[in-house]
Amino acid sequence: MKRKLPLGCGLALVVAVCGCGVLVAVSLATGFPMGLAATVNQTLERLAGNPISSEDLALALSAPTVDERPEILENLSRPDEFDISVVQAEGGHVRLESWRYYRLGTRVDFADGVIVWTIDLELAPGGSVLPAWYDPTAFETGMAIDEATALLTAVSPAGTAPETIDLAEGGEDLAGGVMLVGDQITLGFEEGRLVYVETLGVTTQESGG
């Protein structure tokens, strides 16, 4: 069940960005494999609203917002899985996040740190989901590849450095794209800056328990 929350300016921002008449470009659409671009597009579809004017969009982008993610982290701890997509819109960029808590049976979606809505998930059996080790707020928008590499290595339970994949090898359309693949996580970069993160939760079945 989806529970849309009252957000004031935060909601105006999401509606403005996702109105089909205003959205200008998704940065990953031409810079990464279809899987990443599809994830961004699916996120946008979840946040779709009615088209509004570019003046309303500029106003929404300039409105101050309160980052609600720290409160969610404090109350619910790190999510079992999450994904982050940074998309380009007229007047700036928007950071879209989806945090999934299978052990709690809920998902929380954010736009620029503001809660958009929560959605009920199927509750995982008790003790079947292992504690997550990644903090989504640690992955800052625009983070450089070397910074992200150091972070993943430090946070990895085994201290394993992530593998770097140059997407330019896939053809000219992927020039400027790089991926980092680490323990249960994939990061996407465009022109050396972070624009995508996706983690995979660990269950006792997957870990052989």
C-alpha atoms as a PDB file:
ATOM      1  CA  MET A   1       0.000   0.000   0.000  1.00  0.00           C
ATOM      2  CA  LYS A   2       1.356   3.407  -0.971  1.00  0.00           C
ATOM      3  CA  ARG A   3       1.050   6.151   1.635  1.00  0.00           C
ATOM      4  CA  LYS A   4       1.633   9.573   0.166  1.00  0.00           C
ATOM      5  CA  LEU A   5       2.859  12.068   2.735  1.00  0.00           C
ATOM      6  CA  PRO A   6       2.176  15.833   2.950  1.00  0.00           C
ATOM      7  CA  LEU A   7       5.377  17.553   1.934  1.00  0.00           C
ATOM      8  CA  GLY A   8       4.678  21.191   1.129  1.00  0.00           C
ATOM      9  CA  CYS A   9       7.542  22.535  -1.007  1.00  0.00           C
ATOM     10  CA  GLY A  10       9.146  19.129  -1.166  1.00  0.00           C
ATOM     11  CA  LEU A  11       6.157  17.660  -2.958  1.00  0.00           C
ATOM     12  CA  ALA A  12       6.019  20.652  -5.280  1.00  0.00           C
ATOM     13  CA  LEU A  13       9.620  19.939  -6.205  1.00  0.00           C
ATOM     14  CA  VAL A  14       8.879  16.330  -7.142  1.00  0.00           C
ATOM     15  CA  VAL A  15       5.788  17.198  -9.144  1.00  0.00           C
ATOM     16  CA  ALA A  16       7.676  19.958 -10.932  1.00  0.00           C
ATOM     17  CA  VAL A  17      10.613  17.790 -11.838  1.00  0.00           C
ATOM     18  CA  CYS A  18       8.562  14.835 -12.984  1.00  0.00           C
ATOM     19  CA  GLY A  19       5.975  16.662 -15.044  1.00  0.00           C
ATOM     20  CA  CYS A  20       6.422  15.282 -18.557  1.00  0.00           C
ATOM     21  CA  GLY A  21       6.216  18.745 -20.081  1.00  0.00           C
ATOM     22  CA  VAL A  22       9.082  20.059 -17.945  1.00  0.00           C
ATOM     23  CA  LEU A  23      11.530  17.181 -17.614  1.00  0.00           C
ATOM     24  CA  VAL A  24      14.490  17.897 -19.853  1.00  0.00           C
ATOM     25  CA  ALA A  25      16.898  14.954 -19.673  1.00  0.00           C
ATOM     26  CA  VAL A  26      17.911  11.930 -17.662  1.00  0.00           C
ATOM     27  CA  SER A  27      21.672  12.039 -17.436  1.00  0.00           C
ATOM     28  CA  LEU A  28      22.046   8.266 -17.416  1.00  0.00           C
ATOM     29  CA  ALA A  29      19.874   7.705 -20.450  1.00  0.00           C
ATOM     30  CA  THR A  30      22.778   8.093 -22.881  1.00  0.00           C
ATOM     31  CA  GLY A  31      25.681   7.425 -20.567  1.00  0.00           C
ATOM     32  CA  PHE A  32      25.008   3.983 -19.089  1.00  0.00           C
ATOM     33  CA  PRO A  33      23.676   0.538 -20.003  1.00  0.00           C
ATOM     34  CA  MET A  34      19.946   0.063 -20.421  1.00  0.00           C
ATOM     35  CA  GLY A  35      19.661  -1.500 -16.983  1.00  0.00           C
ATOM     36  CA  LEU A  36      20.755   1.701 -15.223  1.00  0.00           C
ATOM     37  CA  ALA A  37      18.751   3.996 -17.477  1.00  0.00           C
ATOM     38  CA  ALA A  38      15.659   1.832 -16.986  1.00  0.00           C
ATOM     39  CA  THR A  39      16.060   2.064 -13.219  1.00  0.00           C
ATOM     40  CA  VAL A  40      16.103   5.853 -13.411  1.00  0.00           C
ATOM     41  CA  ASN A  41      13.073   5.888 -15.706  1.00  0.00           C
ATOM     42  CA  GLN A  42      11.167   3.569 -13.368  1.00  0.00           C
ATOM     43  CA  THR A  43      11.966   5.893 -10.480  1.00  0.00           C
ATOM     44  CA  LEU A  44      10.649   8.851 -12.448  1.00  0.00           C
ATOM     45  CA  GLU A  45       7.470   6.941 -13.303  1.00  0.00           C
ATOM     46  CA  ARG A  46       6.904   6.294  -9.596  1.00  0.00           C
ATOM     47  CA  LEU A  47       7.184  10.025  -8.943  1.00  0.00           C
ATOM     48  CA  ALA A  48       5.196  11.157 -11.985  1.00  0.00           C
ATOM     49  CA  GLY A  49       2.898  14.156 -11.614  1.00  0.00           C
ATOM     50  CA  ASN A  50       1.045  16.674 -13.741  1.00  0.00           C
ATOM     51  CA  PRO A  51       3.068  18.963 -16.051  1.00  0.00           C
ATOM     52  CA  ILE A  52       3.560  22.484 -14.744  1.00  0.00           C
ATOM     53  CA  SER A  53       5.270  25.605 -16.012  1.00  0.00           C
ATOM     54  CA  SER A  54       9.018  26.218 -16.031  1.00  0.00           C
ATOM     55  CA  GLU A  55       8.412  29.167 -13.689  1.00  0.00           C
ATOM     56  CA  ASP A  56       6.837  26.846 -11.114  1.00  0.00           C
ATOM     57  CA  LEU A  57       9.752  24.446 -11.530  1.00  0.00           C
ATOM     58  CA  ALA A  58      12.313  27.194 -10.892  1.00  0.00           C
ATOM     59  CA  LEU A  59      10.399  28.227  -7.775  1.00  0.00           C
ATOM     60  CA  ALA A  60      10.268  24.661  -6.479  1.00  0.00           C
ATOM     61  CA  LEU A  61      13.970  24.121  -7.085  1.00  0.00           C
ATOM     62  CA  SER A  62      14.827  27.314  -5.196  1.00  0.00           C
ATOM     63  CA  ALA A  63      12.623  26.484  -2.202  1.00  0.00           C
ATOM     64  CA  PRO A  64      14.533  25.346   0.908  1.00  0.00           C
ATOM     65  CA  THR A  65      13.982  21.746   1.944  1.00  0.00           C
ATOM     66  CA  VAL A  66      14.738  19.796   5.118  1.00  0.00           C
ATOM     67  CA  ASP A  67      16.762  16.603   4.781  1.00  0.00           C
ATOM     68  CA  GLU A  68      14.593  13.932   6.425  1.00  0.00           C
ATOM     69  CA  ARG A  69      17.008  11.055   5.822  1.00  0.00           C
ATOM     70  CA  PRO A  70      18.962  11.385   9.113  1.00  0.00           C
ATOM     71  CA  GLU A  71      15.747  10.981  11.101  1.00  0.00           C
ATOM     72  CA  ILE A  72      14.838   7.842   9.137  1.00  0.00           C
ATOM     73  CA  LEU A  73      18.337   6.442   9.713  1.00  0.00           C
ATOM     74  CA  GLU A  74      18.059   7.150  13.431  1.00  0.00           C
ATOM     75  CA  ASN A  75      14.625   5.555  13.744  1.00  0.00           C
ATOM     76  CA  LEU A  76      14.904   2.655  11.289  1.00  0.00           C
ATOM     77  CA  SER A  77      18.714   2.236  10.917  1.00  0.00           C
ATOM     78  CA  ARG A  78      20.377   1.554   7.546  1.00  0.00           C
ATOM     79  CA  PRO A  79      18.055   0.200   4.834  1.00  0.00           C
ATOM     80  CA  ASP A  80      18.394  -3.428   3.749  1.00  0.00           C
ATOM     81  CA  GLU A  81      18.645  -2.215   0.144  1.00  0.00           C
ATOM     82  CA  PHE A  82      18.623   1.171  -1.536  1.00  0.00           C
ATOM     83  CA  ASP A  83      19.118   2.871  -4.861  1.00  0.00           C
ATOM     84  CA  ILE A  84      20.047   6.445  -5.696  1.00  0.00           C
ATOM     85  CA  SER A  85      19.637   8.194  -9.052  1.00  0.00           C
ATOM     86  CA  VAL A  86      20.724  11.747  -9.863  1.00  0.00           C
ATOM     87  CA  VAL A  87      18.706  13.097 -12.775  1.00  0.00           C
ATOM     88  CA  GLN A  88      19.019  16.340 -14.687  1.00  0.00           C
ATOM     89  CA  ALA A  89      16.057  18.707 -14.860  1.00  0.00           C
ATOM     90  CA  GLU A  90      15.567  22.256 -16.020  1.00  0.00           C
ATOM     91  CA  GLY A  91      17.148  24.513 -13.425  1.00  0.00           C
ATOM     92  CA  GLY A  92      19.327  21.874 -11.750  1.00  0.00           C
ATOM     93  CA  HIS A  93      19.447  18.223 -10.774  1.00  0.00           C
ATOM     94  CA  VAL A  94      17.337  16.085  -8.453  1.00  0.00           C
ATOM     95  CA  ARG A  95      18.490  13.196  -6.276  1.00  0.00           C
ATOM     96  CA  LEU A  96      15.923  10.379  -6.107  1.00  0.00           C
ATOM     97  CA  GLU A  97      16.313   7.636  -3.490  1.00  0.00           C
ATOM     98  CA  SER A  98      14.424   4.489  -2.583  1.00  0.00           C
ATOM     99  CA  TRP A  99      15.233   2.801   0.755  1.00  0.00           C
ATOM    100  CA  ARG A 100      13.829  -0.698   1.283  1.00  0.00           C
ATOM    101  CA  TYR A 101      13.372  -2.271   4.725  1.00  0.00           C
ATOM    102  CA  TYR A 102      12.275  -5.867   4.145  1.00  0.00           C
ATOM    103  CA  ARG A 103      12.612  -6.736   7.837  1.00  0.00           C
ATOM    104  CA  LEU A 104      10.132  -3.942   8.598  1.00  0.00           C
ATOM    105  CA  GLY A 105       7.912  -4.369   5.548  1.00  0.00           C
ATOM    106  CA  THR A 106       8.255  -0.811   4.256  1.00  0.00           C
ATOM    107  CA  ARG A 107       9.936   1.320   1.587  1.00  0.00           C
ATOM    108  CA  VAL A 108      10.692   5.022   1.896  1.00  0.00           C
ATOM    109  CA  ASP A 109      11.225   7.180  -1.204  1.00  0.00           C
ATOM    110  CA  PHE A 110      12.968  10.567  -1.160  1.00  0.00           C
ATOM    111  CA  ALA A 111      13.505  13.465  -3.546  1.00  0.00           C
ATOM    112  CA  ASP A 112      16.435  15.663  -2.517  1.00  0.00           C
ATOM    113  CA  GLY A 113      16.204  14.235   1.003  1.00  0.00           C
ATOM    114  CA  VAL A 114      12.481  14.942   1.411  1.00  0.00           C
ATOM    115  CA  ILE A 115      10.154  11.964   1.944  1.00  0.00           C
ATOM    116  CA  VAL A 116       7.821  11.567  -1.028  1.00  0.00           C
ATOM    117  CA  TRP A 117       5.914   8.537   0.203  1.00  0.00           C
ATOM    118  CA  THR A 118       6.190   5.196   1.941  1.00  0.00           C
ATOM    119  CA  ILE A 119       5.074   1.887   0.435  1.00  0.00           C
ATOM    120  CA  ASP A 120       4.280  -1.412   2.133  1.00  0.00           C
ATOM    121  CA  LEU A 121       6.566  -4.325   1.227  1.00  0.00           C
ATOM    122  CA  GLU A 122       6.256  -8.023   1.892  1.00  0.00           C
ATOM    123  CA  LEU A 123       7.683  -8.590   5.357  1.00  0.00           C
ATOM    124  CA  ALA A 124      10.776 -10.803   5.371  1.00  0.00           C
ATOM    125  CA  PRO A 125      10.869 -13.708   7.876  1.00  0.00           C
ATOM    126  CA  GLY A 126      12.479 -12.771  11.173  1.00  0.00           C
ATOM    127  CA  GLY A 127      16.262 -13.020  11.112  1.00  0.00           C
ATOM    128  CA  SER A 128      16.418 -13.783   7.390  1.00  0.00           C
ATOM    129  CA  VAL A 129      17.879 -10.391   6.388  1.00  0.00           C
ATOM    130  CA  LEU A 130      21.424  -9.720   7.549  1.00  0.00           C
ATOM    131  CA  PRO A 131      22.397  -6.235   8.805  1.00  0.00           C
ATOM    132  CA  ALA A 132      23.320  -3.803   5.999  1.00  0.00           C
ATOM    133  CA  TRP A 133      26.715  -2.107   6.062  1.00  0.00           C
ATOM    134  CA  TYR A 134      26.161   0.738   3.586  1.00  0.00           C
ATOM    135  CA  ASP A 135      24.822   4.156   4.627  1.00  0.00           C
ATOM    136  CA  PRO A 136      23.068   5.821   1.652  1.00  0.00           C
ATOM    137  CA  THR A 137      23.836   9.303   2.964  1.00  0.00           C
ATOM    138  CA  ALA A 138      27.568   8.568   2.699  1.00  0.00           C
ATOM    139  CA  PHE A 139      27.319   8.568  -1.100  1.00  0.00           C
ATOM    140  CA  GLU A 140      27.257  12.257  -1.863  1.00  0.00           C
ATOM    141  CA  THR A 141      25.916  13.575  -5.139  1.00  0.00           C
ATOM    142  CA  GLY A 142      28.827  14.216  -7.501  1.00  0.00           C
ATOM    143  CA  MET A 143      31.304  12.188  -5.417  1.00  0.00           C
ATOM    144  CA  ALA A 144      34.542  11.498  -7.315  1.00  0.00           C
ATOM    145  CA  ILE A 145      35.556   7.955  -8.286  1.00  0.00           C
ATOM    146  CA  ASP A 146      38.607   7.863  -5.996  1.00  0.00           C
ATOM    147  CA  GLU A 147      36.510   9.032  -3.029  1.00  0.00           C
ATOM    148  CA  ALA A 148      33.897   6.367  -3.688  1.00  0.00           C
ATOM    149  CA  THR A 149      36.580   3.698  -4.118  1.00  0.00           C
ATOM    150  CA  ALA A 150      38.086   4.568  -0.735  1.00  0.00           C
ATOM    151  CA  LEU A 151      34.640   4.550   0.899  1.00  0.00           C
ATOM    152  CA  LEU A 152      33.669   1.150  -0.520  1.00  0.00           C
ATOM    153  CA  THR A 153      36.987  -0.372   0.495  1.00  0.00           C
ATOM    154  CA  ALA A 154      36.710   0.960   4.039  1.00  0.00           C
ATOM    155  CA  VAL A 155      33.087  -0.137   4.492  1.00  0.00           C
ATOM    156  CA  SER A 156      33.406  -3.567   2.843  1.00  0.00           C
ATOM    157  CA  PRO A 157      33.298  -6.310   5.505  1.00  0.00           C
ATOM    158  CA  ALA A 158      36.298  -7.956   3.849  1.00  0.00           C
ATOM    159  CA  GLY A 159      38.071  -4.683   3.027  1.00  0.00           C
ATOM    160  CA  THR A 160      37.799  -5.533  -0.664  1.00  0.00           C
ATOM    161  CA  ALA A 161      38.467  -2.784  -3.210  1.00  0.00           C
ATOM    162  CA  PRO A 162      35.728  -2.461  -5.855  1.00  0.00           C
ATOM    163  CA  GLU A 163      36.273  -3.414  -9.486  1.00  0.00           C
ATOM    164  CA  THR A 164      36.380  -0.514 -11.953  1.00  0.00           C
ATOM    165  CA  ILE A 165      34.647  -0.968 -15.301  1.00  0.00           C
ATOM    166  CA  ASP A 166      35.202   1.556 -18.090  1.00  0.00           C
ATOM    167  CA  LEU A 167      31.906   1.705 -19.950  1.00  0.00           C
ATOM    168  CA  ALA A 168      33.584   3.364 -22.924  1.00  0.00           C
ATOM    169  CA  GLU A 169      34.672  -0.112 -23.990  1.00  0.00           C
ATOM    170  CA  GLY A 170      31.034  -0.803 -24.792  1.00  0.00           C
ATOM    171  CA  GLY A 171      30.958   1.788 -27.568  1.00  0.00           C
ATOM    172  CA  GLU A 172      31.014   5.511 -28.238  1.00  0.00           C
ATOM    173  CA  ASP A 173      27.572   6.020 -26.678  1.00  0.00           C
ATOM    174  CA  LEU A 174      29.023   5.056 -23.301  1.00  0.00           C
ATOM    175  CA  ALA A 175      32.032   7.385 -23.424  1.00  0.00           C
ATOM    176  CA  GLY A 176      32.624   9.067 -20.078  1.00  0.00           C
ATOM    177  CA  GLY A 177      30.843   6.357 -18.112  1.00  0.00           C
ATOM    178  CA  VAL A 178      32.473   4.291 -15.358  1.00  0.00           C
ATOM    179  CA  MET A 179      31.085   1.712 -12.962  1.00  0.00           C
ATOM    180  CA  LEU A 180      32.388   0.516  -9.607  1.00  0.00           C
ATOM    181  CA  VAL A 181      31.269  -2.952  -8.540  1.00  0.00           C
ATOM    182  CA  GLY A 182      31.881  -3.914  -4.913  1.00  0.00           C
ATOM    183  CA  ASP A 183      30.386  -6.148  -2.220  1.00  0.00           C
ATOM    184  CA  GLN A 184      26.628  -6.104  -2.851  1.00  0.00           C
ATOM    185  CA  ILE A 185      26.831  -2.661  -4.483  1.00  0.00           C
ATOM    186  CA  THR A 186      27.129  -0.992  -7.897  1.00  0.00           C
ATOM    187  CA  LEU A 187      27.983   2.662  -8.483  1.00  0.00           C
ATOM    188  CA  GLY A 188      27.657   4.584 -11.744  1.00  0.00           C
ATOM    189  CA  PHE A 189      29.664   7.651 -12.738  1.00  0.00           C
ATOM    190  CA  GLU A 190      29.278  10.144 -15.543  1.00  0.00           C
ATOM    191  CA  GLU A 191      32.263  12.318 -16.392  1.00  0.00           C
ATOM    192  CA  GLY A 192      33.921  11.150 -13.173  1.00  0.00           C
ATOM    193  CA  ARG A 193      31.036  12.092 -10.862  1.00  0.00           C
ATOM    194  CA  LEU A 194      28.627   9.826  -8.997  1.00  0.00           C
ATOM    195  CA  VAL A 195      25.124   9.680 -10.457  1.00  0.00           C
ATOM    196  CA  TYR A 196      23.865   6.206  -9.507  1.00  0.00           C
ATOM    197  CA  VAL A 197      24.059   3.746  -6.605  1.00  0.00           C
ATOM    198  CA  GLU A 198      22.340   0.403  -6.107  1.00  0.00           C
ATOM    199  CA  THR A 199      22.797  -2.137  -3.308  1.00  0.00           C
ATOM    200  CA  LEU A 200      21.601  -5.709  -2.878  1.00  0.00           C
ATOM    201  CA  GLY A 201      20.505  -6.977   0.518  1.00  0.00           C
ATOM    202  CA  VAL A 202      21.887 -10.189   1.998  1.00  0.00           C
ATOM    203  CA  THR A 203      19.669 -12.955   3.374  1.00  0.00           C
ATOM    204  CA  THR A 204      20.568 -16.040   5.356  1.00  0.00           C
ATOM    205  CA  GLN A 205      19.632 -18.159   2.345  1.00  0.00           C
ATOM    206  CA  GLU A 206      22.096 -16.281   0.109  1.00  0.00           C
ATOM    207  CA  SER A 207      24.862 -16.486   2.718  1.00  0.00           C
ATOM    208  CA  GLY A 208      24.406 -20.212   3.159  1.00  0.00           C
ATOM    209  CA  GLY A 209      22.784 -19.955   6.627  1.00  0.00           C
END
